[in-house]
Amino acid sequence: MAKTIVGVDIGATSIRAVEVAGAGTAKPTVVRVGTVDVPEGAIKRGEVVEPNTVGNALKRLWSTAKFGSKHVVLGVGNQRVLARDLTVPQQPLPLIRESLPFHVQDLLPMPVSEAVFDFYPLRAEQQEQGAVVHGILVAAVKETVMTNLSAARLAGLKPIGVDLIPFALTRLMSRTEAGQGRVVLLDIGAETTSFVVAVDGIPQFVRLIGMGGSDVTRAIVSRLGMSETDAEAAKRALGLTTQGVREEHRPIVEVIYDVTGELITSVRNTISFVGNAQSVGSLERIVMSGNASRLPGLAAALSDFTRIPVVVAEPFDSVAMKGSAKKVDGIDTGSLQVALGLAIGAAA
């Protein structure tokens, strides 16, 4: 069996990876980390569209980061992945997974033959018609998963698993103090926002919101005619601010408020839906992660709008790191959280 495992997070413009020893144990250790940029257009909305290009990028990443293992776990989590509540008759988990195509035909926007499934059991219950299991159905477009796997194999890697990104984040954040209790885990990426309601580290509700930081950048470009580079820099510098803004920057701030407001509203509406549909009690905090979550003023705006405290967790503080991982320059561990979550949940 592999001594170490690498979690691979394929993002919109880059690939992030974390190599972990002791994956699946209580005390994992980060051995190496690395990132590599991906040419524009090779990945769209979280889906690999050019496997050869992404495969070459993965080869460069393994060469530069000097990962010691080719055993990888890939993450999936975009708008072609569904997560829904599902109740099925109680039976062993392998049999539940085999029976999923017969239970989910009315829940899917695609033919059953074009999807792959998994089931995350939450609790069993005795009902009049017999014992049942309540859980979360995960369904992904088969083509999306197979293309990601193809890119990894073209790079000479050996995929040992594919994990839903919200589950990986839940696993990771539950190791932190902020992730305990009744919380919303909100990971805001470039194209997709992962929303999870978790109770003491157990996901109760999952939703993937098709918005992220790139939507703000694209809106600035299209509405104000700025270059993408300048729009991204302006977004990061100005954020959701109103004080001390120069007159020429006000149109940029207005666009940022407009687009970010849509995401905040979607988050608030999802919280309201969960409150009405789930028996999880009052939510204690929102735990934010992801590069786009660092937009200046976003945490305060989200807290004001939802009336829930917002914190930023530092899950790398909850794992040991070898010297080689600590010494990597120019890599922000905040961008590596998904990859770490993917790696620590694997069975070495």
Protein backbone atom coordinates (compact mmCIF):
# COMPACT_ATOMS: atom_id res chain seq x y z
CA MET A 1 0.00 0.00 0.00
CA ALA A 2 1.07 3.59 -0.55
CA LYS A 3 2.99 5.20 2.30
CA THR A 4 1.80 8.66 1.28
CA ILE A 5 -1.18 9.95 -0.71
CA VAL A 6 -1.59 13.18 -2.66
CA GLY A 7 -4.85 15.13 -2.66
CA VAL A 8 -5.33 16.93 -5.98
CA ASP A 9 -7.60 19.96 -6.33
CA ILE A 10 -8.11 20.90 -9.98
CA GLY A 11 -9.20 24.54 -9.99
CA ALA A 12 -10.20 26.98 -12.70
CA THR A 13 -6.69 28.30 -13.41
CA SER A 14 -4.38 26.17 -11.29
CA ILE A 15 -3.91 22.75 -9.73
CA ARG A 16 -3.09 22.46 -6.03
CA ALA A 17 -1.77 19.31 -4.40
CA VAL A 18 -0.83 18.18 -0.90
CA GLU A 19 1.06 14.98 -0.06
CA VAL A 20 0.16 13.43 3.28
CA ALA A 21 1.65 10.60 5.33
CA GLY A 22 -0.69 8.81 7.71
CA ALA A 23 -3.77 9.55 5.60
CA GLY A 24 -6.92 8.18 7.17
CA THR A 25 -5.39 8.27 10.67
CA ALA A 26 -5.87 10.63 13.58
CA LYS A 27 -2.43 12.18 13.06
CA PRO A 28 -1.70 12.85 9.38
CA THR A 29 1.47 14.70 8.42
CA VAL A 30 1.86 17.04 5.46
CA VAL A 31 5.00 15.99 3.59
CA ARG A 32 5.00 18.19 0.48
CA VAL A 33 2.79 20.79 -1.16
CA GLY A 34 2.74 22.30 -4.63
CA THR A 35 0.77 24.30 -7.17
CA VAL A 36 0.97 24.79 -10.91
CA ASP A 37 -0.85 27.14 -13.26
CA VAL A 38 -3.01 25.71 -16.03
CA PRO A 39 -3.38 27.37 -19.46
CA GLU A 40 -6.60 29.30 -19.93
CA GLY A 41 -9.42 27.21 -21.37
CA ALA A 42 -8.06 23.83 -20.27
CA ILE A 43 -10.51 23.80 -17.36
CA LYS A 44 -13.95 25.40 -17.47
CA ARG A 45 -16.34 25.66 -14.54
CA GLY A 46 -14.40 23.01 -12.66
CA GLU A 47 -14.38 20.53 -15.54
CA VAL A 48 -11.32 19.35 -17.44
CA VAL A 49 -11.94 20.03 -21.13
CA GLU A 50 -8.37 19.44 -22.35
CA PRO A 51 -7.09 16.27 -20.63
CA ASN A 52 -3.72 16.32 -22.39
CA THR A 53 -3.03 19.91 -21.31
CA VAL A 54 -4.05 19.19 -17.73
CA GLY A 55 -2.06 15.96 -17.77
CA ASN A 56 1.06 17.88 -18.83
CA ALA A 57 0.43 20.41 -16.05
CA LEU A 58 0.23 17.56 -13.55
CA LYS A 59 3.54 16.18 -14.83
CA ARG A 60 5.15 19.61 -14.26
CA LEU A 61 3.65 19.76 -10.77
CA TRP A 62 5.06 16.36 -9.82
CA SER A 63 8.44 17.35 -11.20
CA THR A 64 8.70 20.71 -9.44
CA ALA A 65 7.10 19.72 -6.10
CA LYS A 66 8.99 16.39 -6.05
CA PHE A 67 6.03 14.43 -4.70
CA GLY A 68 7.06 10.98 -3.51
CA SER A 69 3.82 9.21 -4.37
CA LYS A 70 1.74 8.80 -7.53
CA HIS A 71 -1.33 7.62 -5.60
CA VAL A 72 -3.87 10.46 -5.75
CA VAL A 73 -7.38 11.37 -4.64
CA LEU A 74 -9.21 13.79 -6.94
CA GLY A 75 -11.90 16.23 -5.91
CA VAL A 76 -15.17 16.90 -7.73
CA GLY A 77 -17.57 19.72 -7.01
CA ASN A 78 -19.19 21.86 -9.67
CA GLN A 79 -22.63 22.49 -11.12
CA ARG A 80 -22.65 19.07 -12.79
CA VAL A 81 -22.49 17.41 -9.37
CA LEU A 82 -25.68 16.98 -7.35
CA ALA A 83 -26.02 16.49 -3.60
CA ARG A 84 -29.53 15.72 -2.36
CA ASP A 85 -31.20 14.30 0.72
CA LEU A 86 -32.26 10.70 0.15
CA THR A 87 -33.97 8.05 2.27
CA VAL A 88 -33.57 4.39 1.27
CA PRO A 89 -34.44 1.02 2.84
CA GLN A 90 -31.84 -0.06 5.35
CA GLN A 91 -29.29 -2.58 4.08
CA PRO A 92 -25.49 -2.86 3.91
CA LEU A 93 -23.86 0.18 2.32
CA PRO A 94 -22.54 -1.69 -0.76
CA LEU A 95 -26.10 -2.86 -1.52
CA ILE A 96 -27.46 0.67 -1.01
CA ARG A 97 -24.93 1.98 -3.53
CA GLU A 98 -25.87 -0.73 -6.02
CA SER A 99 -29.55 0.18 -5.68
CA LEU A 100 -29.13 3.95 -6.12
CA PRO A 101 -29.96 4.03 -9.88
CA PHE A 102 -33.40 2.62 -9.05
CA HIS A 103 -34.08 5.24 -6.35
CA VAL A 104 -32.90 8.42 -8.02
CA GLN A 105 -34.36 8.55 -11.52
CA ASP A 106 -36.77 11.36 -10.61
CA LEU A 107 -34.07 13.40 -8.85
CA LEU A 108 -31.61 13.72 -11.71
CA PRO A 109 -31.42 16.25 -14.56
CA MET A 110 -29.56 13.65 -16.64
CA PRO A 111 -30.25 10.00 -17.59
CA VAL A 112 -29.19 7.50 -14.95
CA SER A 113 -26.85 5.88 -17.48
CA GLU A 114 -24.86 9.12 -17.75
CA ALA A 115 -24.23 9.51 -14.00
CA VAL A 116 -22.11 7.99 -11.27
CA PHE A 117 -23.44 7.79 -7.72
CA ASP A 118 -22.44 7.60 -4.09
CA PHE A 119 -24.35 7.68 -0.82
CA TYR A 120 -23.31 9.21 2.50
CA PRO A 121 -25.38 7.63 5.31
CA LEU A 122 -26.35 9.89 8.21
CA ARG A 123 -28.76 8.01 10.46
CA ALA A 124 -31.04 4.96 10.56
CA GLU A 125 -34.68 5.09 11.59
CA GLN A 126 -37.47 2.58 12.13
CA GLN A 127 -40.63 3.52 10.23
CA GLU A 128 -43.96 1.77 9.71
CA GLN A 129 -42.84 0.28 6.42
CA GLY A 130 -39.54 -0.89 7.91
CA ALA A 131 -36.04 0.33 8.71
CA VAL A 132 -34.66 3.13 6.54
CA VAL A 133 -31.44 5.09 6.25
CA HIS A 134 -31.38 8.87 5.79
CA GLY A 135 -28.38 10.20 3.94
CA ILE A 136 -26.96 12.38 1.18
CA LEU A 137 -27.03 11.25 -2.42
CA VAL A 138 -24.11 12.37 -4.57
CA ALA A 139 -24.53 12.15 -8.33
CA ALA A 140 -22.04 13.39 -10.89
CA VAL A 141 -21.99 13.43 -14.67
CA LYS A 142 -19.94 10.37 -15.58
CA GLU A 143 -18.10 12.18 -18.38
CA THR A 144 -16.84 14.84 -15.95
CA VAL A 145 -15.42 12.28 -13.53
CA MET A 146 -13.89 10.13 -16.27
CA THR A 147 -12.21 13.13 -17.95
CA ASN A 148 -10.58 14.17 -14.67
CA LEU A 149 -9.39 10.60 -14.12
CA SER A 150 -8.06 10.49 -17.69
CA ALA A 151 -5.98 13.63 -17.14
CA ALA A 152 -4.44 12.12 -14.00
CA ARG A 153 -3.64 8.85 -15.76
CA LEU A 154 -2.09 10.69 -18.71
CA ALA A 155 0.31 12.19 -16.17
CA GLY A 156 1.27 8.72 -14.98
CA LEU A 157 -0.66 9.05 -11.71
CA LYS A 158 -2.70 6.34 -10.01
CA PRO A 159 -6.11 7.59 -8.83
CA ILE A 160 -7.30 5.66 -5.79
CA GLY A 161 -10.43 7.69 -5.17
CA VAL A 162 -12.70 10.56 -6.16
CA ASP A 163 -14.22 12.59 -3.34
CA LEU A 164 -16.86 15.30 -3.19
CA ILE A 165 -15.11 18.57 -2.31
CA PRO A 166 -17.69 19.57 0.36
CA PHE A 167 -17.07 16.26 2.16
CA ALA A 168 -13.31 16.82 2.02
CA LEU A 169 -13.73 20.30 3.49
CA THR A 170 -16.02 19.01 6.24
CA ARG A 171 -13.47 16.38 7.17
CA LEU A 172 -10.74 19.00 7.30
CA MET A 173 -12.62 21.75 9.14
CA SER A 174 -13.91 19.31 11.77
CA ARG A 175 -10.32 19.08 12.98
CA THR A 176 -10.42 22.75 13.96
CA GLU A 177 -12.17 24.38 16.91
CA ALA A 178 -14.10 26.66 14.54
CA GLY A 179 -15.50 23.65 12.69
CA GLN A 180 -17.11 22.12 15.79
CA GLY A 181 -20.77 22.52 16.73
CA ARG A 182 -23.55 23.53 14.34
CA VAL A 183 -21.81 25.40 11.55
CA VAL A 184 -21.96 26.41 7.91
CA LEU A 185 -18.79 25.57 6.01
CA LEU A 186 -18.51 27.94 3.08
CA ASP A 187 -15.68 27.46 0.59
CA ILE A 188 -15.70 30.16 -2.10
CA GLY A 189 -13.64 29.24 -5.12
CA ALA A 190 -13.19 30.86 -8.50
CA GLU A 191 -16.25 29.26 -10.11
CA THR A 192 -18.15 27.35 -7.43
CA THR A 193 -19.08 27.89 -3.79
CA SER A 194 -19.43 24.81 -1.59
CA PHE A 195 -22.06 25.15 1.13
CA VAL A 196 -22.23 22.55 3.91
CA VAL A 197 -24.21 22.50 7.13
CA ALA A 198 -22.31 20.27 9.55
CA VAL A 199 -22.99 19.23 13.13
CA ASP A 200 -19.85 18.22 15.02
CA GLY A 201 -18.08 17.32 11.80
CA ILE A 202 -20.96 15.37 10.21
CA PRO A 203 -22.44 16.94 7.05
CA GLN A 204 -26.21 17.32 7.24
CA PHE A 205 -26.86 19.33 4.09
CA VAL A 206 -24.77 20.04 0.99
CA ARG A 207 -25.29 22.47 -1.84
CA LEU A 208 -23.01 23.60 -4.66
CA ILE A 209 -23.65 27.21 -5.69
CA GLY A 210 -22.56 28.10 -9.22
CA MET A 211 -20.88 31.37 -8.30
CA GLY A 212 -17.40 32.35 -7.21
CA GLY A 213 -14.71 35.00 -7.29
CA SER A 214 -14.28 34.86 -11.06
CA ASP A 215 -17.85 36.06 -11.54
CA VAL A 216 -16.88 39.36 -9.92
CA THR A 217 -13.81 39.71 -12.13
CA ARG A 218 -15.75 38.91 -15.30
CA ALA A 219 -18.45 41.43 -14.39
CA ILE A 220 -15.87 44.20 -13.95
CA VAL A 221 -14.35 43.31 -17.33
CA SER A 222 -17.66 43.21 -19.19
CA ARG A 223 -19.31 46.24 -17.58
CA LEU A 224 -16.33 48.57 -17.32
CA GLY A 225 -14.11 47.43 -20.18
CA MET A 226 -11.08 46.72 -17.99
CA SER A 227 -8.52 44.04 -18.71
CA GLU A 228 -8.87 40.85 -16.71
CA THR A 229 -5.55 41.47 -14.95
CA ASP A 230 -6.54 45.00 -13.88
CA ALA A 231 -10.03 43.86 -12.89
CA GLU A 232 -8.64 41.12 -10.66
CA ALA A 233 -6.18 43.52 -9.02
CA ALA A 234 -8.89 46.13 -8.44
CA LYS A 235 -11.23 43.54 -6.95
CA ARG A 236 -8.61 42.36 -4.48
CA ALA A 237 -7.59 45.90 -3.53
CA LEU A 238 -11.03 47.49 -3.17
CA GLY A 239 -13.39 44.70 -2.12
CA LEU A 240 -16.59 45.65 -0.35
CA THR A 241 -15.45 49.05 0.84
CA THR A 242 -17.10 52.45 0.80
CA GLN A 243 -14.82 54.60 2.95
CA GLY A 244 -12.01 56.47 1.29
CA VAL A 245 -12.86 55.24 -2.20
CA ARG A 246 -11.67 57.56 -4.93
CA GLU A 247 -14.32 58.77 -7.33
CA GLU A 248 -12.86 56.90 -10.29
CA HIS A 249 -13.01 53.64 -8.33
CA ARG A 250 -16.68 53.91 -7.36
CA PRO A 251 -17.99 52.14 -10.51
CA ILE A 252 -15.71 49.18 -9.70
CA VAL A 253 -16.95 48.99 -6.12
CA GLU A 254 -20.55 49.14 -7.33
CA VAL A 255 -19.97 46.10 -9.58
CA ILE A 256 -18.28 44.22 -6.74
CA TYR A 257 -21.22 44.97 -4.43
CA ASP A 258 -23.72 43.94 -7.09
CA VAL A 259 -22.22 40.55 -7.95
CA THR A 260 -21.10 39.68 -4.43
CA GLY A 261 -24.56 40.60 -3.19
CA GLU A 262 -26.03 37.85 -5.38
CA LEU A 263 -23.76 35.29 -3.74
CA ILE A 264 -24.51 36.54 -0.23
CA THR A 265 -28.24 36.43 -0.96
CA SER A 266 -27.92 32.86 -2.25
CA VAL A 267 -26.08 31.86 0.92
CA ARG A 268 -28.69 33.52 3.14
CA ASN A 269 -31.56 31.89 1.24
CA THR A 270 -29.88 28.50 1.54
CA ILE A 271 -29.46 28.99 5.28
CA SER A 272 -33.17 29.85 5.52
CA PHE A 273 -34.08 26.74 3.51
CA VAL A 274 -31.98 24.53 5.78
CA GLY A 275 -33.58 26.10 8.85
CA ASN A 276 -37.02 25.19 7.54
CA ALA A 277 -36.17 21.75 6.18
CA GLN A 278 -33.60 20.37 8.62
CA SER A 279 -33.66 19.84 12.38
CA VAL A 280 -30.15 21.06 13.10
CA GLY A 281 -30.95 23.88 15.52
CA SER A 282 -29.49 27.37 15.51
CA LEU A 283 -26.31 27.73 13.52
CA GLU A 284 -23.38 28.96 15.61
CA ARG A 285 -21.05 30.33 12.95
CA ILE A 286 -20.09 30.43 9.30
CA VAL A 287 -16.59 29.11 8.64
CA MET A 288 -15.19 30.56 5.42
CA SER A 289 -12.39 29.22 3.26
CA GLY A 290 -11.21 29.45 -0.34
CA ASN A 291 -9.24 32.16 -2.10
CA ALA A 292 -12.32 34.19 -3.03
CA SER A 293 -13.41 34.33 0.61
CA ARG A 294 -10.58 36.80 1.23
CA LEU A 295 -12.31 39.62 -0.61
CA PRO A 296 -11.95 42.63 1.73
CA GLY A 297 -15.16 43.23 3.66
CA LEU A 298 -16.86 39.99 2.60
CA ALA A 299 -16.83 38.35 6.03
CA ALA A 300 -18.37 41.41 7.67
CA ALA A 301 -21.02 41.77 4.95
CA LEU A 302 -21.94 38.10 5.16
CA SER A 303 -22.25 38.29 8.94
CA ASP A 304 -24.42 41.42 8.75
CA PHE A 305 -26.70 39.87 6.14
CA THR A 306 -27.14 36.47 7.81
CA ARG A 307 -26.92 37.58 11.47
CA ILE A 308 -24.43 34.75 12.05
CA PRO A 309 -20.80 35.23 13.15
CA VAL A 310 -18.26 34.57 10.40
CA VAL A 311 -14.77 33.21 11.05
CA VAL A 312 -11.87 32.04 8.90
CA ALA A 313 -10.41 28.70 9.97
CA GLU A 314 -6.75 27.75 9.66
CA PRO A 315 -6.91 23.95 9.25
CA PHE A 316 -3.20 23.61 8.45
CA ASP A 317 -2.63 24.44 12.11
CA SER A 318 -4.36 21.15 12.99
CA VAL A 319 -1.89 18.89 11.16
CA ALA A 320 1.83 18.28 11.51
CA MET A 321 4.07 19.55 8.73
CA LYS A 322 7.48 18.23 7.77
CA GLY A 323 10.27 20.68 7.09
CA SER A 324 10.09 20.25 3.32
CA ALA A 325 6.45 21.36 3.34
CA LYS A 326 7.12 24.32 5.64
CA LYS A 327 9.92 25.69 3.49
CA VAL A 328 7.99 26.07 0.25
CA ASP A 329 8.00 29.73 -0.67
CA GLY A 330 5.26 31.63 -2.43
CA ILE A 331 2.45 29.14 -1.73
CA ASP A 332 -0.50 30.29 0.32
CA THR A 333 -1.82 27.41 2.44
CA GLY A 334 -5.29 28.94 2.21
CA SER A 335 -5.44 27.78 -1.41
CA LEU A 336 -4.45 24.22 -0.43
CA GLN A 337 -7.26 23.42 1.97
CA VAL A 338 -9.33 21.33 -0.44
CA ALA A 339 -6.27 19.30 -1.47
CA LEU A 340 -5.41 18.68 2.18
CA GLY A 341 -8.97 17.57 2.95
CA LEU A 342 -8.91 15.18 0.01
CA ALA A 343 -5.63 13.64 1.14
CA ILE A 344 -6.33 13.17 4.85
CA GLY A 345 -9.51 11.21 4.25
CA ALA A 346 -7.91 8.61 2.03
CA ALA A 347 -6.96 5.13 3.16
CA ALA A 348 -3.23 4.69 2.55
